[in-house]
């Protein structure tokens, strides 16, 4: 039986929109009362596929994710049970053999570009936040992140953006914005929206 005292917050938005910054600010507010689950943890396992072929897959399509497993883990956390989620390595385009422990808490934050695209997942979310940012800002952030943190070449990042990221954003991510309760421009840099969101979470915790 799911614990009615647990609040599940979905934070969606395009690549480089500022989701991580917003989540980090929320984590500062709620400390140990928050557990963060990223859709990126749940990219499917492609161990039988050669590295060169894995690099060419469309990682911005809903089918790239094992969303069913993530939904199962969210339900476990809502039942105040621990869950072991996959660990994904972006440098090899595959899951590792490691698992990461997710502990139940009062506030569960689910983040990802496509989490508002899945109807079953939407039904688990008490608050749905879409982080918005201009496309030129998002691509610059994406390039900086992928080159610096994920060891990718500038050419590969730009090619991926033009062939899959941008088309999938237009086909799936942007239309899913209509499912949001709150649209936040500039993510964690929008201090007014951040304060309002934190106040709403506190109010829900007080109600429960």
N, C-alpha and C. Protein backbone atom coordinates (compact mmCIF):
# COMPACT_ATOMS: atom_id res chain seq x y z
N UNK A 1 0.85 -1.21 0.00
CA UNK A 1 0.00 0.00 0.00
C UNK A 1 0.88 1.25 0.00
N UNK A 2 0.59 2.16 -0.93
CA UNK A 2 1.41 3.35 -1.06
C UNK A 2 1.21 4.32 0.09
N UNK A 3 2.29 4.92 0.55
CA UNK A 3 2.26 5.87 1.65
C UNK A 3 1.74 7.21 1.14
N UNK A 4 0.62 7.66 1.68
CA UNK A 4 0.00 8.92 1.23
C UNK A 4 0.79 10.13 1.70
N UNK A 5 1.78 9.92 2.56
CA UNK A 5 2.57 11.06 3.05
C UNK A 5 3.75 11.37 2.13
N UNK A 6 3.96 10.55 1.13
CA UNK A 6 5.07 10.77 0.20
C UNK A 6 4.59 11.66 -0.95
N UNK A 7 5.38 12.70 -1.27
CA UNK A 7 5.07 13.60 -2.37
C UNK A 7 6.02 13.31 -3.52
N UNK A 8 5.46 13.11 -4.71
CA UNK A 8 6.28 12.84 -5.90
C UNK A 8 6.20 14.04 -6.84
N UNK A 9 7.35 14.61 -7.14
CA UNK A 9 7.43 15.80 -7.99
C UNK A 9 8.14 15.43 -9.28
N UNK A 10 7.52 15.73 -10.40
CA UNK A 10 8.15 15.50 -11.69
C UNK A 10 8.73 16.79 -12.23
N UNK A 11 9.98 16.75 -12.66
CA UNK A 11 10.62 17.92 -13.25
C UNK A 11 11.12 17.54 -14.64
N UNK A 12 10.46 18.09 -15.65
CA UNK A 12 10.78 17.79 -17.04
C UNK A 12 11.30 19.05 -17.73
N UNK A 13 11.66 18.90 -19.00
CA UNK A 13 12.18 20.03 -19.77
C UNK A 13 13.24 19.53 -20.72
N UNK A 14 13.53 20.30 -21.73
CA UNK A 14 14.50 19.89 -22.73
C UNK A 14 15.91 19.80 -22.18
N UNK A 15 16.79 19.19 -22.96
CA UNK A 15 18.19 19.09 -22.59
C UNK A 15 18.78 20.47 -22.35
N UNK A 16 19.52 20.63 -21.25
CA UNK A 16 20.17 21.90 -20.95
C UNK A 16 19.23 23.01 -20.51
N UNK A 17 18.01 22.65 -20.11
CA UNK A 17 17.04 23.69 -19.74
C UNK A 17 17.24 24.24 -18.34
N UNK A 18 17.94 23.50 -17.49
CA UNK A 18 18.18 23.96 -16.12
C UNK A 18 17.52 23.09 -15.07
N UNK A 19 17.15 21.86 -15.45
CA UNK A 19 16.50 20.94 -14.51
C UNK A 19 17.40 20.63 -13.32
N UNK A 20 18.67 20.31 -13.60
CA UNK A 20 19.59 19.91 -12.53
C UNK A 20 19.82 21.04 -11.54
N UNK A 21 19.94 22.27 -12.05
CA UNK A 21 20.13 23.42 -11.17
C UNK A 21 18.93 23.59 -10.24
N UNK A 22 17.74 23.45 -10.80
CA UNK A 22 16.51 23.57 -9.99
C UNK A 22 16.47 22.48 -8.92
N UNK A 23 16.79 21.26 -9.31
CA UNK A 23 16.75 20.14 -8.37
C UNK A 23 17.76 20.33 -7.25
N UNK A 24 18.95 20.79 -7.58
CA UNK A 24 19.97 21.01 -6.56
C UNK A 24 19.52 22.07 -5.55
N UNK A 25 18.81 23.09 -6.02
CA UNK A 25 18.29 24.13 -5.12
C UNK A 25 17.21 23.55 -4.20
N UNK A 26 16.37 22.67 -4.75
CA UNK A 26 15.33 22.03 -3.92
C UNK A 26 15.98 21.12 -2.89
N UNK A 27 17.03 20.41 -3.29
CA UNK A 27 17.74 19.52 -2.37
C UNK A 27 18.34 20.30 -1.21
N UNK A 28 18.82 21.50 -1.48
CA UNK A 28 19.37 22.34 -0.41
C UNK A 28 18.30 22.69 0.61
N UNK A 29 17.07 22.81 0.16
CA UNK A 29 15.96 23.18 1.04
C UNK A 29 15.50 22.00 1.90
N UNK A 30 15.48 20.79 1.32
CA UNK A 30 14.85 19.67 2.01
C UNK A 30 15.84 18.60 2.50
N UNK A 31 17.09 18.70 2.14
CA UNK A 31 18.16 17.84 2.67
C UNK A 31 17.81 16.37 2.58
N UNK A 32 17.75 15.69 3.74
CA UNK A 32 17.55 14.25 3.78
C UNK A 32 16.11 13.83 3.50
N UNK A 33 15.21 14.80 3.38
CA UNK A 33 13.80 14.48 3.12
C UNK A 33 13.51 14.30 1.63
N UNK A 34 14.56 14.25 0.80
CA UNK A 34 14.34 14.19 -0.64
C UNK A 34 15.17 13.09 -1.29
N UNK A 35 14.55 12.39 -2.25
CA UNK A 35 15.23 11.38 -3.06
C UNK A 35 15.03 11.75 -4.52
N UNK A 36 16.12 11.75 -5.30
CA UNK A 36 16.04 12.14 -6.71
C UNK A 36 16.24 10.92 -7.60
N UNK A 37 15.31 10.74 -8.54
CA UNK A 37 15.42 9.67 -9.52
C UNK A 37 15.49 10.31 -10.91
N UNK A 38 16.52 9.98 -11.66
CA UNK A 38 16.68 10.52 -13.01
C UNK A 38 16.29 9.46 -14.04
N UNK A 39 15.53 9.88 -15.03
CA UNK A 39 15.16 8.99 -16.12
C UNK A 39 16.41 8.48 -16.83
N UNK A 40 17.48 9.28 -16.81
CA UNK A 40 18.74 8.89 -17.46
C UNK A 40 19.35 7.64 -16.84
N UNK A 41 19.00 7.35 -15.57
CA UNK A 41 19.50 6.13 -14.94
C UNK A 41 18.99 4.89 -15.69
N UNK A 42 17.86 5.05 -16.37
CA UNK A 42 17.11 3.90 -16.88
C UNK A 42 17.20 3.71 -18.39
N UNK A 43 18.28 4.21 -19.00
CA UNK A 43 18.52 3.85 -20.38
C UNK A 43 18.66 2.33 -20.47
N UNK A 44 18.16 1.76 -21.53
CA UNK A 44 18.17 0.31 -21.67
C UNK A 44 19.59 -0.23 -21.82
N UNK A 45 19.73 -1.51 -21.50
CA UNK A 45 21.01 -2.20 -21.53
C UNK A 45 21.28 -2.70 -22.95
N UNK A 46 22.44 -2.37 -23.50
CA UNK A 46 22.77 -2.78 -24.86
C UNK A 46 24.12 -3.50 -24.91
N UNK A 47 24.37 -4.37 -23.94
CA UNK A 47 25.68 -5.02 -23.84
C UNK A 47 26.01 -5.88 -25.05
N UNK A 48 25.00 -6.45 -25.69
CA UNK A 48 25.25 -7.33 -26.84
C UNK A 48 25.54 -6.55 -28.11
N UNK A 49 25.39 -5.24 -28.07
CA UNK A 49 25.59 -4.41 -29.26
C UNK A 49 26.98 -3.77 -29.22
N UNK A 50 27.71 -3.79 -30.33
CA UNK A 50 29.05 -3.17 -30.37
C UNK A 50 28.99 -1.68 -30.05
N UNK A 51 30.08 -1.17 -29.51
CA UNK A 51 30.16 0.24 -29.11
C UNK A 51 29.81 1.18 -30.27
N UNK A 52 30.33 0.90 -31.44
CA UNK A 52 30.08 1.76 -32.59
C UNK A 52 28.61 1.86 -32.94
N UNK A 53 27.87 0.77 -32.76
CA UNK A 53 26.43 0.77 -33.04
C UNK A 53 25.66 1.47 -31.92
N UNK A 54 26.10 1.28 -30.67
CA UNK A 54 25.42 1.94 -29.55
C UNK A 54 25.48 3.45 -29.68
N UNK A 55 26.61 3.96 -30.19
CA UNK A 55 26.78 5.41 -30.34
C UNK A 55 25.74 6.00 -31.29
N UNK A 56 25.22 5.19 -32.20
CA UNK A 56 24.32 5.69 -33.24
C UNK A 56 22.85 5.59 -32.86
N UNK A 57 22.55 5.01 -31.70
CA UNK A 57 21.15 4.85 -31.29
C UNK A 57 20.51 6.21 -30.96
N UNK A 58 19.20 6.26 -31.05
CA UNK A 58 18.45 7.47 -30.71
C UNK A 58 18.12 7.44 -29.22
N UNK A 59 18.88 8.19 -28.44
CA UNK A 59 18.71 8.18 -26.99
C UNK A 59 17.70 9.23 -26.51
N UNK A 60 17.03 9.88 -27.44
CA UNK A 60 16.06 10.91 -27.07
C UNK A 60 14.63 10.50 -27.41
N UNK A 61 14.46 9.23 -27.76
CA UNK A 61 13.13 8.66 -28.04
C UNK A 61 12.64 7.92 -26.80
N UNK A 62 11.33 7.93 -26.53
CA UNK A 62 10.81 7.22 -25.34
C UNK A 62 11.22 5.76 -25.27
N UNK A 63 11.41 5.11 -26.41
CA UNK A 63 11.76 3.69 -26.41
C UNK A 63 13.18 3.42 -25.93
N UNK A 64 13.99 4.47 -25.78
CA UNK A 64 15.37 4.28 -25.31
C UNK A 64 15.42 3.99 -23.82
N UNK A 65 14.31 4.21 -23.12
CA UNK A 65 14.29 4.10 -21.66
C UNK A 65 13.49 2.89 -21.19
N UNK A 66 13.94 2.32 -20.09
CA UNK A 66 13.17 1.28 -19.39
C UNK A 66 12.28 1.99 -18.37
N UNK A 67 11.27 2.66 -18.86
CA UNK A 67 10.40 3.46 -18.00
C UNK A 67 9.58 2.59 -17.06
N UNK A 68 9.25 1.38 -17.49
CA UNK A 68 8.49 0.47 -16.63
C UNK A 68 9.26 0.16 -15.35
N UNK A 69 10.57 -0.04 -15.47
CA UNK A 69 11.38 -0.32 -14.28
C UNK A 69 11.41 0.90 -13.37
N UNK A 70 11.53 2.10 -13.95
CA UNK A 70 11.54 3.30 -13.12
C UNK A 70 10.21 3.48 -12.39
N UNK A 71 9.11 3.21 -13.07
CA UNK A 71 7.79 3.30 -12.43
C UNK A 71 7.70 2.32 -11.27
N UNK A 72 8.22 1.11 -11.47
CA UNK A 72 8.21 0.10 -10.40
C UNK A 72 9.02 0.59 -9.20
N UNK A 73 10.15 1.23 -9.45
CA UNK A 73 10.98 1.74 -8.36
C UNK A 73 10.31 2.91 -7.64
N UNK A 74 9.61 3.76 -8.37
CA UNK A 74 8.88 4.86 -7.73
C UNK A 74 7.80 4.29 -6.80
N UNK A 75 7.12 3.26 -7.27
CA UNK A 75 6.08 2.64 -6.44
C UNK A 75 6.69 2.03 -5.17
N UNK A 76 7.87 1.43 -5.30
CA UNK A 76 8.55 0.87 -4.13
C UNK A 76 8.86 1.98 -3.12
N UNK A 77 9.38 3.11 -3.62
CA UNK A 77 9.71 4.21 -2.73
C UNK A 77 8.47 4.79 -2.08
N UNK A 78 7.36 4.84 -2.82
CA UNK A 78 6.11 5.33 -2.24
C UNK A 78 5.59 4.37 -1.16
N UNK A 79 5.99 3.10 -1.28
CA UNK A 79 5.65 2.11 -0.25
C UNK A 79 6.66 2.12 0.89
N UNK A 80 7.57 3.12 0.86
CA UNK A 80 8.64 3.24 1.85
C UNK A 80 9.59 2.05 1.83
N UNK A 81 9.82 1.53 0.62
CA UNK A 81 10.77 0.44 0.41
C UNK A 81 11.98 0.97 -0.37
N UNK A 82 13.15 0.41 -0.11
CA UNK A 82 14.34 0.77 -0.87
C UNK A 82 14.27 0.17 -2.27
N UNK A 83 14.99 0.79 -3.21
CA UNK A 83 15.06 0.27 -4.58
C UNK A 83 16.50 0.40 -5.07
N UNK A 84 16.89 -0.54 -5.92
CA UNK A 84 18.24 -0.51 -6.50
C UNK A 84 18.11 -0.19 -7.98
N UNK A 85 18.56 1.00 -8.37
CA UNK A 85 18.40 1.42 -9.76
C UNK A 85 19.70 1.20 -10.53
N UNK A 86 19.61 1.10 -11.85
CA UNK A 86 20.81 0.90 -12.68
C UNK A 86 21.73 2.11 -12.61
N UNK A 87 22.99 1.88 -12.96
CA UNK A 87 23.97 2.96 -13.09
C UNK A 87 24.39 3.02 -14.55
N UNK A 88 24.18 4.16 -15.17
CA UNK A 88 24.48 4.31 -16.60
C UNK A 88 25.77 5.10 -16.80
N UNK A 89 26.58 4.67 -17.77
CA UNK A 89 27.84 5.34 -18.08
C UNK A 89 27.74 5.95 -19.48
N UNK A 90 27.69 7.28 -19.55
CA UNK A 90 27.50 7.96 -20.82
C UNK A 90 28.73 7.87 -21.73
N UNK A 91 29.88 7.56 -21.16
CA UNK A 91 31.09 7.47 -21.99
C UNK A 91 31.13 6.18 -22.80
N UNK A 92 30.39 5.15 -22.36
CA UNK A 92 30.36 3.88 -23.09
C UNK A 92 28.97 3.60 -23.69
N UNK A 93 28.04 4.54 -23.49
CA UNK A 93 26.68 4.40 -24.02
C UNK A 93 26.04 3.11 -23.53
N UNK A 94 26.18 2.82 -22.24
CA UNK A 94 25.63 1.57 -21.73
C UNK A 94 25.54 1.61 -20.21
N UNK A 95 24.74 0.71 -19.66
CA UNK A 95 24.71 0.52 -18.21
C UNK A 95 25.99 -0.17 -17.76
N UNK A 96 26.33 0.08 -16.51
CA UNK A 96 27.43 -0.66 -15.90
C UNK A 96 26.84 -1.84 -15.12
N UNK A 97 27.68 -2.60 -14.48
CA UNK A 97 27.21 -3.72 -13.66
C UNK A 97 26.81 -3.26 -12.26
N UNK A 98 27.04 -1.99 -11.95
CA UNK A 98 26.76 -1.47 -10.62
C UNK A 98 25.28 -1.14 -10.46
N UNK A 99 24.85 -1.04 -9.22
CA UNK A 99 23.50 -0.59 -8.87
C UNK A 99 23.62 0.53 -7.84
N UNK A 100 22.66 1.44 -7.83
CA UNK A 100 22.64 2.55 -6.87
C UNK A 100 21.41 2.43 -5.98
N UNK A 101 21.64 2.57 -4.68
CA UNK A 101 20.55 2.44 -3.72
C UNK A 101 19.73 3.72 -3.66
N UNK A 102 18.43 3.58 -3.82
CA UNK A 102 17.49 4.69 -3.64
C UNK A 102 16.74 4.46 -2.34
N UNK A 103 16.81 5.41 -1.44
CA UNK A 103 16.14 5.28 -0.16
C UNK A 103 14.82 6.06 -0.16
N UNK A 104 13.81 5.53 0.48
CA UNK A 104 12.53 6.25 0.54
C UNK A 104 12.65 7.53 1.37
N UNK A 105 11.87 8.53 1.02
CA UNK A 105 11.88 9.79 1.75
C UNK A 105 10.53 10.47 1.56
N UNK A 106 10.36 11.61 2.23
CA UNK A 106 9.08 12.32 2.16
C UNK A 106 8.82 12.94 0.80
N UNK A 107 9.91 13.34 0.12
CA UNK A 107 9.79 13.98 -1.19
C UNK A 107 10.62 13.20 -2.21
N UNK A 108 9.96 12.74 -3.26
CA UNK A 108 10.64 12.06 -4.35
C UNK A 108 10.59 12.97 -5.57
N UNK A 109 11.77 13.27 -6.13
CA UNK A 109 11.83 14.08 -7.34
C UNK A 109 12.21 13.18 -8.50
N UNK A 110 11.37 13.17 -9.51
CA UNK A 110 11.62 12.40 -10.73
C UNK A 110 11.95 13.39 -11.84
N UNK A 111 13.10 13.23 -12.48
CA UNK A 111 13.48 14.20 -13.51
C UNK A 111 13.86 13.52 -14.81
N UNK A 112 13.62 14.24 -15.91
CA UNK A 112 13.99 13.73 -17.22
C UNK A 112 13.30 14.50 -18.32
N UNK A 113 13.82 14.37 -19.53
CA UNK A 113 13.25 15.14 -20.63
C UNK A 113 11.89 14.60 -21.06
N UNK A 114 11.64 13.30 -20.83
CA UNK A 114 10.44 12.67 -21.39
C UNK A 114 9.47 12.14 -20.34
N UNK A 115 9.61 12.55 -19.10
CA UNK A 115 8.77 11.95 -18.05
C UNK A 115 7.31 12.38 -18.14
N UNK A 116 7.00 13.47 -18.83
CA UNK A 116 5.60 13.88 -18.99
C UNK A 116 4.98 13.25 -20.23
N UNK A 117 5.74 12.42 -20.94
CA UNK A 117 5.25 11.79 -22.16
C UNK A 117 4.53 10.48 -21.84
N UNK A 118 4.83 9.90 -20.67
CA UNK A 118 4.30 8.59 -20.30
C UNK A 118 3.09 8.75 -19.38
N UNK A 119 1.94 8.24 -19.79
CA UNK A 119 0.69 8.44 -19.05
C UNK A 119 0.73 7.79 -17.67
N UNK A 120 1.24 6.57 -17.58
CA UNK A 120 1.30 5.86 -16.29
C UNK A 120 2.21 6.59 -15.31
N UNK A 121 3.31 7.12 -15.81
CA UNK A 121 4.22 7.87 -14.96
C UNK A 121 3.58 9.18 -14.50
N UNK A 122 2.88 9.84 -15.39
CA UNK A 122 2.21 11.09 -15.04
C UNK A 122 1.27 10.92 -13.85
N UNK A 123 0.59 9.77 -13.81
CA UNK A 123 -0.39 9.52 -12.75
C UNK A 123 0.26 9.38 -11.37
N UNK A 124 1.57 9.15 -11.33
CA UNK A 124 2.27 9.02 -10.05
C UNK A 124 2.76 10.36 -9.51
N UNK A 125 2.68 11.41 -10.33
CA UNK A 125 3.26 12.70 -9.97
C UNK A 125 2.24 13.62 -9.32
N UNK A 126 2.57 14.14 -8.13
CA UNK A 126 1.69 15.07 -7.43
C UNK A 126 1.86 16.50 -7.93
N UNK A 127 3.08 16.85 -8.30
CA UNK A 127 3.36 18.18 -8.87
C UNK A 127 4.20 17.97 -10.13
N UNK A 128 3.80 18.62 -11.21
CA UNK A 128 4.50 18.46 -12.49
C UNK A 128 5.07 19.83 -12.91
N UNK A 129 6.40 19.90 -12.98
CA UNK A 129 7.10 21.15 -13.28
C UNK A 129 7.85 20.99 -14.60
N UNK A 130 7.62 21.92 -15.52
CA UNK A 130 8.35 21.92 -16.79
C UNK A 130 9.30 23.11 -16.79
N UNK A 131 10.60 22.81 -16.95
CA UNK A 131 11.63 23.85 -16.96
C UNK A 131 11.86 24.27 -18.41
N UNK A 132 11.69 25.54 -18.68
CA UNK A 132 11.76 26.06 -20.04
C UNK A 132 13.01 26.92 -20.23
N UNK A 133 13.58 26.87 -21.44
CA UNK A 133 14.72 27.72 -21.77
C UNK A 133 14.82 27.82 -23.29
N UNK A 134 15.40 28.91 -23.77
CA UNK A 134 15.57 29.09 -25.21
C UNK A 134 16.45 27.99 -25.79
N UNK A 135 16.17 27.63 -27.03
CA UNK A 135 16.90 26.53 -27.67
C UNK A 135 18.39 26.82 -27.78
N UNK A 136 18.77 28.08 -28.05
CA UNK A 136 20.19 28.38 -28.20
C UNK A 136 20.93 28.24 -26.87
N UNK A 137 20.26 28.58 -25.78
CA UNK A 137 20.85 28.40 -24.45
C UNK A 137 21.02 26.92 -24.15
N UNK A 138 20.03 26.14 -24.48
CA UNK A 138 20.06 24.71 -24.19
C UNK A 138 21.17 24.00 -24.95
N UNK A 139 21.36 24.31 -26.22
CA UNK A 139 22.39 23.63 -27.00
C UNK A 139 23.77 24.00 -26.49
N UNK A 140 23.98 25.25 -26.09
CA UNK A 140 25.28 25.65 -25.54
C UNK A 140 25.58 24.88 -24.26
N UNK A 141 24.59 24.79 -23.39
CA UNK A 141 24.77 24.03 -22.14
C UNK A 141 25.04 22.56 -22.43
N UNK A 142 24.33 22.02 -23.42
CA UNK A 142 24.51 20.61 -23.78
C UNK A 142 25.93 20.36 -24.28
N UNK A 143 26.41 21.24 -25.13
CA UNK A 143 27.77 21.08 -25.67
C UNK A 143 28.80 21.12 -24.53
N UNK A 144 28.68 22.11 -23.66
CA UNK A 144 29.63 22.23 -22.55
C UNK A 144 29.61 21.00 -21.66
N UNK A 145 28.41 20.49 -21.36
CA UNK A 145 28.30 19.31 -20.49
C UNK A 145 28.88 18.07 -21.14
N UNK A 146 28.49 17.81 -22.39
CA UNK A 146 28.89 16.56 -23.03
C UNK A 146 30.38 16.52 -23.34
N UNK A 147 30.96 17.65 -23.70
CA UNK A 147 32.40 17.69 -24.00
C UNK A 147 33.20 17.60 -22.71
N UNK A 148 32.78 18.36 -21.69
CA UNK A 148 33.55 18.41 -20.44
C UNK A 148 33.34 17.17 -19.57
N UNK A 149 32.09 16.78 -19.37
CA UNK A 149 31.77 15.73 -18.39
C UNK A 149 31.66 14.34 -19.00
N UNK A 150 31.37 14.25 -20.29
CA UNK A 150 31.12 12.94 -20.88
C UNK A 150 32.13 12.56 -21.95
N UNK A 151 33.17 13.39 -22.10
CA UNK A 151 34.28 13.05 -22.96
C UNK A 151 33.96 12.94 -24.43
N UNK A 152 32.99 13.69 -24.90
CA UNK A 152 32.60 13.60 -26.30
C UNK A 152 33.19 14.75 -27.11
N UNK A 153 33.32 14.52 -28.40
CA UNK A 153 33.86 15.56 -29.27
C UNK A 153 32.77 16.57 -29.61
N UNK A 154 33.19 17.78 -29.94
CA UNK A 154 32.24 18.81 -30.31
C UNK A 154 31.41 18.37 -31.52
N UNK A 155 32.07 17.76 -32.49
CA UNK A 155 31.38 17.33 -33.70
C UNK A 155 30.29 16.29 -33.39
N UNK A 156 30.60 15.35 -32.51
CA UNK A 156 29.62 14.31 -32.19
C UNK A 156 28.41 14.88 -31.45
N UNK A 157 28.66 15.86 -30.58
CA UNK A 157 27.56 16.48 -29.82
C UNK A 157 26.63 17.24 -30.77
N UNK A 158 27.22 18.00 -31.67
CA UNK A 158 26.41 18.78 -32.63
C UNK A 158 25.64 17.86 -33.56
N UNK A 159 26.29 16.80 -34.04
CA UNK A 159 25.62 15.84 -34.92
C UNK A 159 24.44 15.18 -34.23
N UNK A 160 24.65 14.76 -32.98
CA UNK A 160 23.57 14.13 -32.22
C UNK A 160 22.43 15.11 -31.98
N UNK A 161 22.77 16.35 -31.68
CA UNK A 161 21.73 17.35 -31.43
C UNK A 161 20.85 17.55 -32.67
N UNK A 162 21.49 17.65 -33.83
CA UNK A 162 20.75 17.93 -35.06
C UNK A 162 19.95 16.72 -35.55
N UNK A 163 20.48 15.50 -35.33
CA UNK A 163 19.83 14.30 -35.88
C UNK A 163 18.78 13.69 -34.97
N UNK A 164 18.97 13.79 -33.64
CA UNK A 164 18.00 13.16 -32.73
C UNK A 164 17.47 14.10 -31.65
N UNK A 165 18.35 14.86 -31.00
CA UNK A 165 17.91 15.67 -29.85
C UNK A 165 16.87 16.70 -30.27
N UNK A 166 17.18 17.48 -31.27
CA UNK A 166 16.26 18.54 -31.71
C UNK A 166 14.94 17.97 -32.25
N UNK A 167 14.97 16.98 -33.18
CA UNK A 167 13.71 16.43 -33.67
C UNK A 167 12.86 15.78 -32.58
N UNK A 168 13.50 15.07 -31.65
CA UNK A 168 12.74 14.41 -30.58
C UNK A 168 12.18 15.44 -29.59
N UNK A 169 12.92 16.53 -29.39
CA UNK A 169 12.40 17.59 -28.54
C UNK A 169 11.11 18.15 -29.14
N UNK A 170 11.14 18.37 -30.44
CA UNK A 170 9.97 18.94 -31.10
C UNK A 170 8.80 17.96 -31.15
N UNK A 171 9.11 16.66 -31.26
CA UNK A 171 8.07 15.65 -31.39
C UNK A 171 7.47 15.22 -30.05
N UNK A 172 8.34 15.15 -29.00
CA UNK A 172 7.87 14.59 -27.73
C UNK A 172 7.97 15.55 -26.53
N UNK A 173 9.10 16.21 -26.38
CA UNK A 173 9.34 17.00 -25.18
C UNK A 173 8.46 18.25 -25.14
N UNK A 174 8.53 19.05 -26.19
CA UNK A 174 7.76 20.30 -26.22
C UNK A 174 6.25 20.05 -26.10
N UNK A 175 5.67 19.07 -26.81
CA UNK A 175 4.24 18.81 -26.65
C UNK A 175 3.85 18.35 -25.24
N UNK A 176 4.80 17.71 -24.52
CA UNK A 176 4.48 17.22 -23.17
C UNK A 176 4.37 18.36 -22.17
N UNK A 177 4.77 19.57 -22.57
CA UNK A 177 4.68 20.72 -21.67
C UNK A 177 3.24 20.97 -21.22
N UNK A 178 2.28 20.59 -22.06
CA UNK A 178 0.87 20.81 -21.73
C UNK A 178 0.43 20.03 -20.50
N UNK A 179 1.20 19.01 -20.12
CA UNK A 179 0.86 18.20 -18.95
C UNK A 179 1.39 18.79 -17.64
N UNK A 180 2.12 19.89 -17.72
CA UNK A 180 2.73 20.48 -16.53
C UNK A 180 1.72 21.29 -15.73
N UNK A 181 1.91 21.29 -14.41
CA UNK A 181 1.15 22.18 -13.53
C UNK A 181 1.80 23.55 -13.46
N UNK A 182 3.14 23.55 -13.54
CA UNK A 182 3.93 24.78 -13.42
C UNK A 182 4.98 24.80 -14.52
N UNK A 183 5.13 25.94 -15.19
CA UNK A 183 6.20 26.12 -16.17
C UNK A 183 7.18 27.14 -15.61
N UNK A 184 8.43 26.74 -15.49
CA UNK A 184 9.45 27.58 -14.86
C UNK A 184 10.51 27.98 -15.89
N UNK A 185 10.55 29.22 -16.31
CA UNK A 185 11.63 29.66 -17.20
C UNK A 185 12.96 29.70 -16.44
N UNK A 186 14.01 29.17 -17.06
CA UNK A 186 15.38 29.27 -16.53
C UNK A 186 15.64 28.45 -15.26
N UNK A 187 14.80 27.51 -14.95
CA UNK A 187 15.09 26.55 -13.89
C UNK A 187 15.49 27.15 -12.56
N UNK A 188 16.61 26.64 -12.02
CA UNK A 188 17.08 27.05 -10.70
C UNK A 188 17.56 28.48 -10.63
N UNK A 189 17.69 29.14 -11.76
CA UNK A 189 18.08 30.55 -11.77
C UNK A 189 16.89 31.47 -11.57
N UNK A 190 15.68 30.89 -11.62
CA UNK A 190 14.45 31.66 -11.41
C UNK A 190 14.10 31.58 -9.93
N UNK A 191 14.60 32.52 -9.15
CA UNK A 191 14.48 32.44 -7.70
C UNK A 191 13.03 32.60 -7.23
N UNK A 192 12.24 33.39 -7.93
CA UNK A 192 10.83 33.55 -7.54
C UNK A 192 10.09 32.23 -7.68
N UNK A 193 10.27 31.58 -8.84
CA UNK A 193 9.62 30.29 -9.07
C UNK A 193 10.12 29.23 -8.08
N UNK A 194 11.42 29.26 -7.79
CA UNK A 194 11.99 28.29 -6.85
C UNK A 194 11.38 28.45 -5.46
N UNK A 195 11.27 29.69 -4.99
CA UNK A 195 10.67 29.94 -3.68
C UNK A 195 9.21 29.50 -3.63
N UNK A 196 8.48 29.77 -4.71
CA UNK A 196 7.07 29.35 -4.76
C UNK A 196 6.95 27.84 -4.74
N UNK A 197 7.83 27.16 -5.47
CA UNK A 197 7.79 25.70 -5.51
C UNK A 197 8.13 25.11 -4.15
N UNK A 198 9.18 25.62 -3.51
CA UNK A 198 9.54 25.14 -2.18
C UNK A 198 8.42 25.36 -1.18
N UNK A 199 7.76 26.51 -1.26
CA UNK A 199 6.64 26.79 -0.37
C UNK A 199 5.49 25.81 -0.60
N UNK A 200 5.25 25.48 -1.88
CA UNK A 200 4.18 24.53 -2.21
C UNK A 200 4.51 23.15 -1.65
N UNK A 201 5.77 22.73 -1.76
CA UNK A 201 6.17 21.43 -1.22
C UNK A 201 6.01 21.41 0.30
N UNK A 202 6.46 22.48 0.96
CA UNK A 202 6.28 22.57 2.42
C UNK A 202 4.81 22.50 2.81
N UNK A 203 3.96 23.18 2.05
CA UNK A 203 2.53 23.18 2.35
C UNK A 203 1.94 21.78 2.20
N UNK A 204 2.35 21.06 1.15
CA UNK A 204 1.86 19.69 0.96
C UNK A 204 2.34 18.78 2.07
N UNK A 205 3.57 18.95 2.50
CA UNK A 205 4.10 18.14 3.60
C UNK A 205 3.33 18.42 4.88
N UNK A 206 2.99 19.67 5.13
CA UNK A 206 2.22 20.03 6.31
C UNK A 206 0.82 19.45 6.26
N UNK A 207 0.23 19.43 5.06
CA UNK A 207 -1.12 18.86 4.90
C UNK A 207 -1.12 17.38 5.19
N UNK A 208 -0.07 16.70 4.72
CA UNK A 208 0.01 15.24 4.85
C UNK A 208 0.45 14.84 6.25
